[in-house]
Amino acid sequence: MDKSIWIGHEPREAAAFAVARSSIRRVGTLREIPVKGVVLSKLRADGLYTRPTSIRDGRLWDDISEAPMATEFAISRFLVPHLAKAQPQQSVGPRLAVFMDCDMLVRKLLYPLLAGFDPGKAVAVVKHNHNPTATTKMDGQVQTRYARKNWSSVMVFNIDHPANEALTVELVNTVPGRDLHAFCWLNDDEIGELDHGWNYLAGNSPPHPNPAIVHFTDGIPLMAGYENCEFADEWRAELDNWAR
């Protein structure tokens, strides 16, 4: 079964990207599984991302959604099935592609996430009930509220599932972002559910004894106000490990 891992790239959060990628490798994911960045400038250069954007009040703005984007990969993440399908297929059977935000720390092997995937599902996610009360997050970005918030921050795609054929490059470039984050191209029964330890929202998720992926959705430990958040020491240790 072919596998790939994709991390959203945000130029302002290079340290976060480094930690996410380093931690994936440190816990023992095999080298033959590619770990790649979802880089907006490359997607634009390749003609895959054509959505009109602008800068308003110093923030990146998606003109179709008429809403700010906290990161450059806010919408481009949904191109992952297309990107993964373009990779050479090495084996027979369904192909799986994992997308994850860059502000994450991987603490366990990702094999169970892939091995336990239900091939009857088009995608699998942690089905958060995340309703933040704060109006800002990270480095002053707007805390946007939308249906199924944070479901799309870790996604395991079955890129050969027939339902995902509807997730075309054209769809990604033309519908409001909130519709994509709500998985508008799928029926509810095509969305599998993962244990919340696969996308543990630091400071927001219900307690978990040992989460596999910690998501610093409010802000990484380098940002003011988040220096002492849950798992901050582990995150900083991983950053030091990457730097060494």
Protein backbone atom coordinates (compact mmCIF):
# COMPACT_ATOMS: atom_id res chain seq x y z
CA MET A 1 0.00 0.00 0.00
CA ASP A 2 1.51 3.33 -1.03
CA LYS A 3 1.76 5.99 1.66
CA SER A 4 2.83 9.63 1.81
CA ILE A 5 2.84 12.36 4.44
CA TRP A 6 2.24 16.04 3.67
CA ILE A 7 2.83 18.95 6.05
CA GLY A 8 1.36 22.38 5.51
CA HIS A 9 4.10 24.96 5.01
CA GLU A 10 3.77 28.47 6.41
CA PRO A 11 6.81 30.76 5.94
CA ARG A 12 6.16 32.47 9.30
CA GLU A 13 6.32 29.11 11.07
CA ALA A 14 9.52 27.56 9.74
CA ALA A 15 10.39 26.29 13.23
CA ALA A 16 7.00 24.58 13.50
CA PHE A 17 7.51 22.85 10.15
CA ALA A 18 10.97 21.72 11.25
CA VAL A 19 9.59 20.23 14.47
CA ALA A 20 6.74 18.44 12.70
CA ARG A 21 9.02 16.87 10.10
CA SER A 22 11.80 16.06 12.57
CA SER A 23 9.42 14.41 15.02
CA ILE A 24 7.93 12.21 12.29
CA ARG A 25 11.41 10.92 11.49
CA ARG A 26 12.52 10.61 15.12
CA VAL A 27 9.70 8.29 16.15
CA GLY A 28 10.77 5.86 13.45
CA THR A 29 8.74 6.36 10.28
CA LEU A 30 10.59 4.55 7.49
CA ARG A 31 12.61 6.63 5.09
CA GLU A 32 10.76 5.23 2.08
CA ILE A 33 7.61 7.06 3.13
CA PRO A 34 8.02 10.54 1.64
CA VAL A 35 7.36 13.52 3.89
CA LYS A 36 6.70 16.63 1.81
CA GLY A 37 5.58 20.19 2.30
CA VAL A 38 2.41 21.73 0.88
CA VAL A 39 4.06 24.95 -0.35
CA LEU A 40 1.76 27.63 -1.74
CA SER A 41 4.37 29.33 -3.96
CA LYS A 42 5.14 26.01 -5.66
CA LEU A 43 1.46 25.20 -6.15
CA ARG A 44 0.90 28.62 -7.73
CA ALA A 45 3.93 28.21 -9.99
CA ASP A 46 2.61 24.82 -11.11
CA GLY A 47 -0.83 26.27 -11.88
CA LEU A 48 -2.56 24.14 -9.26
CA TYR A 49 -3.58 26.95 -6.91
CA THR A 50 -5.30 29.81 -8.68
CA ARG A 51 -7.59 31.19 -5.97
CA PRO A 52 -7.48 35.00 -5.79
CA THR A 53 -5.96 36.30 -2.55
CA SER A 54 -5.14 39.72 -1.20
CA ILE A 55 -3.56 41.35 1.84
CA ARG A 56 -5.94 43.19 4.17
CA ASP A 57 -4.78 44.80 7.39
CA GLY A 58 -1.53 42.88 7.04
CA ARG A 59 -3.28 39.50 6.80
CA LEU A 60 -3.60 37.04 3.95
CA TRP A 61 -7.18 37.09 2.72
CA ASP A 62 -9.06 34.58 0.58
CA ASP A 63 -11.23 36.60 -1.77
CA ILE A 64 -13.63 33.75 -2.64
CA SER A 65 -14.35 32.97 1.00
CA GLU A 66 -14.29 36.66 1.95
CA ALA A 67 -12.34 35.59 5.03
CA PRO A 68 -8.79 35.74 6.40
CA MET A 69 -6.42 32.77 6.18
CA ALA A 70 -4.28 32.12 9.25
CA THR A 71 -1.81 30.13 7.14
CA GLU A 72 -0.86 29.77 3.48
CA PHE A 73 -2.05 26.15 3.53
CA ALA A 74 -5.52 26.98 4.87
CA ILE A 75 -7.08 25.83 1.59
CA SER A 76 -4.21 24.35 -0.41
CA ARG A 77 -4.25 21.30 1.93
CA PHE A 78 -7.17 19.96 -0.08
CA LEU A 79 -4.87 19.50 -3.08
CA VAL A 80 -3.06 16.68 -1.26
CA PRO A 81 -5.02 13.84 -2.97
CA HIS A 82 -4.14 15.33 -6.36
CA LEU A 83 -0.48 15.73 -5.37
CA ALA A 84 -0.28 12.23 -3.92
CA LYS A 85 -1.96 10.62 -6.91
CA ALA A 86 0.68 12.20 -9.16
CA GLN A 87 3.43 10.25 -7.35
CA PRO A 88 4.57 6.97 -8.94
CA GLN A 89 2.61 4.02 -7.53
CA GLN A 90 4.92 1.44 -5.98
CA SER A 91 2.46 -1.30 -5.06
CA VAL A 92 -0.99 -2.69 -5.75
CA GLY A 93 -3.87 -1.53 -3.60
CA PRO A 94 -5.34 1.70 -2.23
CA ARG A 95 -3.01 4.59 -1.62
CA LEU A 96 -3.12 6.65 1.57
CA ALA A 97 -1.94 10.22 2.04
CA VAL A 98 -1.74 11.94 5.43
CA PHE A 99 -2.05 15.70 5.67
CA MET A 100 -1.15 17.53 8.87
CA ASP A 101 -0.77 21.15 9.92
CA CYS A 102 2.78 22.28 10.62
CA ASP A 103 2.13 23.26 14.26
CA MET A 104 2.24 19.64 15.43
CA LEU A 105 4.50 17.34 17.39
CA VAL A 106 4.43 13.66 16.45
CA ARG A 107 5.08 11.50 19.52
CA LYS A 108 4.32 8.00 18.23
CA LEU A 109 4.71 5.89 15.12
CA LEU A 110 2.22 6.74 12.41
CA TYR A 111 1.89 3.13 11.27
CA PRO A 112 -1.22 2.42 13.39
CA LEU A 113 -2.87 5.48 11.84
CA LEU A 114 -2.32 3.98 8.39
CA ALA A 115 -2.73 0.30 9.19
CA GLY A 116 -6.04 0.90 10.95
CA PHE A 117 -7.56 2.88 8.10
CA ASP A 118 -10.98 1.65 6.94
CA PRO A 119 -10.67 1.31 3.13
CA GLY A 120 -14.40 1.90 2.82
CA LYS A 121 -13.90 5.52 3.91
CA ALA A 122 -12.74 8.37 1.68
CA VAL A 123 -11.03 10.20 4.54
CA ALA A 124 -10.52 9.75 8.26
CA VAL A 125 -10.26 12.57 10.80
CA VAL A 126 -10.61 13.37 14.48
CA LYS A 127 -14.14 14.73 14.73
CA HIS A 128 -13.49 17.60 17.11
CA ASN A 129 -16.18 19.66 18.74
CA HIS A 130 -13.97 22.74 18.87
CA ASN A 131 -15.71 26.04 19.55
CA PRO A 132 -13.01 28.51 20.61
CA THR A 133 -14.04 31.56 22.59
CA ALA A 134 -10.93 33.65 21.88
CA THR A 135 -11.02 36.05 18.93
CA THR A 136 -7.32 35.69 18.03
CA LYS A 137 -4.71 32.94 18.02
CA MET A 138 -1.06 32.31 17.16
CA ASP A 139 0.68 35.60 16.34
CA GLY A 140 -2.47 37.72 16.27
CA GLN A 141 -4.29 35.82 13.53
CA VAL A 142 -8.08 35.91 13.54
CA GLN A 143 -9.65 32.87 15.25
CA THR A 144 -12.14 31.90 12.57
CA ARG A 145 -15.18 29.79 13.48
CA TYR A 146 -16.65 27.35 11.00
CA ALA A 147 -18.39 23.98 10.89
CA ARG A 148 -16.19 20.99 11.74
CA LYS A 149 -13.35 23.22 12.88
CA ASN A 150 -10.00 21.43 13.07
CA TRP A 151 -11.31 18.24 11.46
CA SER A 152 -9.11 19.03 8.47
CA SER A 153 -5.91 19.66 10.45
CA VAL A 154 -5.08 15.94 10.32
CA MET A 155 -6.59 14.02 7.41
CA VAL A 156 -5.89 10.52 6.13
CA PHE A 157 -7.02 10.41 2.50
CA ASN A 158 -7.84 7.25 0.59
CA ILE A 159 -6.86 8.86 -2.67
CA ASP A 160 -8.30 6.01 -4.77
CA HIS A 161 -11.75 6.18 -3.17
CA PRO A 162 -14.33 7.05 -5.85
CA ALA A 163 -15.87 9.80 -3.71
CA ASN A 164 -12.58 11.72 -3.71
CA GLU A 165 -12.76 12.06 -7.48
CA ALA A 166 -15.07 15.00 -6.76
CA LEU A 167 -12.25 16.80 -4.95
CA THR A 168 -10.87 18.24 -8.16
CA VAL A 169 -8.36 21.03 -8.62
CA GLU A 170 -11.23 23.12 -9.96
CA LEU A 171 -13.33 22.53 -6.83
CA VAL A 172 -10.45 23.48 -4.55
CA ASN A 173 -9.98 26.70 -6.49
CA THR A 174 -13.61 27.81 -6.70
CA VAL A 175 -15.66 27.04 -3.57
CA PRO A 176 -15.48 28.85 -0.22
CA GLY A 177 -12.92 27.45 2.14
CA ARG A 178 -15.54 26.76 4.82
CA ASP A 179 -17.22 24.31 2.43
CA LEU A 180 -13.97 22.42 1.88
CA HIS A 181 -13.28 22.28 5.61
CA ALA A 182 -16.78 20.82 6.02
CA PHE A 183 -15.91 18.09 3.46
CA CYS A 184 -18.59 19.28 1.08
CA TRP A 185 -17.66 16.70 -1.58
CA LEU A 186 -18.40 13.76 0.74
CA ASN A 187 -21.39 12.16 2.40
CA ASP A 188 -21.11 11.95 6.17
CA ASP A 189 -20.81 8.17 6.10
CA GLU A 190 -17.70 8.47 3.91
CA ILE A 191 -15.81 10.29 6.69
CA GLY A 192 -14.12 7.89 9.11
CA GLU A 193 -13.38 8.80 12.73
CA LEU A 194 -10.00 8.68 14.47
CA ASP A 195 -9.27 8.62 18.19
CA HIS A 196 -8.63 12.16 19.43
CA GLY A 197 -5.08 11.21 20.33
CA TRP A 198 -4.25 11.47 16.63
CA ASN A 199 -4.97 15.21 16.72
CA TYR A 200 -4.81 16.31 20.33
CA LEU A 201 -5.50 20.05 20.58
CA ALA A 202 -3.18 21.34 23.30
CA GLY A 203 -5.23 23.21 25.87
CA ASN A 204 -8.53 22.33 24.18
CA SER A 205 -9.00 18.56 23.78
CA PRO A 206 -10.42 16.28 26.48
CA PRO A 207 -7.65 14.62 28.54
CA HIS A 208 -5.72 11.86 26.80
CA PRO A 209 -3.18 9.59 28.54
CA ASN A 210 -0.62 9.63 25.73
CA PRO A 211 -1.54 11.45 22.50
CA ALA A 212 0.24 10.43 19.32
CA ILE A 213 0.05 13.88 17.69
CA VAL A 214 -0.11 17.11 19.68
CA HIS A 215 -1.53 20.07 17.79
CA PHE A 216 -0.55 23.53 19.03
CA THR A 217 -3.55 25.09 17.31
CA ASP A 218 -3.64 28.21 19.49
CA GLY A 219 0.09 28.91 19.11
CA ILE A 220 3.44 27.13 19.16
CA PRO A 221 5.65 27.47 22.26
CA LEU A 222 7.84 30.10 20.57
CA MET A 223 4.90 32.52 20.48
CA ALA A 224 4.18 34.92 23.32
CA GLY A 225 1.57 33.55 25.67
CA TYR A 226 2.07 29.91 24.70
CA GLU A 227 5.50 29.28 26.22
CA ASN A 228 4.05 27.11 28.99
CA CYS A 229 1.26 25.34 27.15
CA GLU A 230 0.82 21.57 27.25
CA PHE A 231 3.79 19.64 25.81
CA ALA A 232 5.78 22.87 25.32
CA ASP A 233 8.95 21.32 26.79
CA GLU A 234 8.72 18.35 24.41
CA TRP A 235 8.22 20.68 21.46
CA ARG A 236 11.28 22.77 22.39
CA ALA A 237 13.34 19.62 22.89
CA GLU A 238 12.38 18.47 19.39
CA LEU A 239 13.37 21.84 17.96
CA ASP A 240 16.77 21.51 19.66
CA ASN A 241 17.09 17.98 18.32
CA TRP A 242 16.38 19.20 14.79
CA ALA A 243 18.91 22.03 15.15
CA ARG A 244 21.63 19.63 16.28
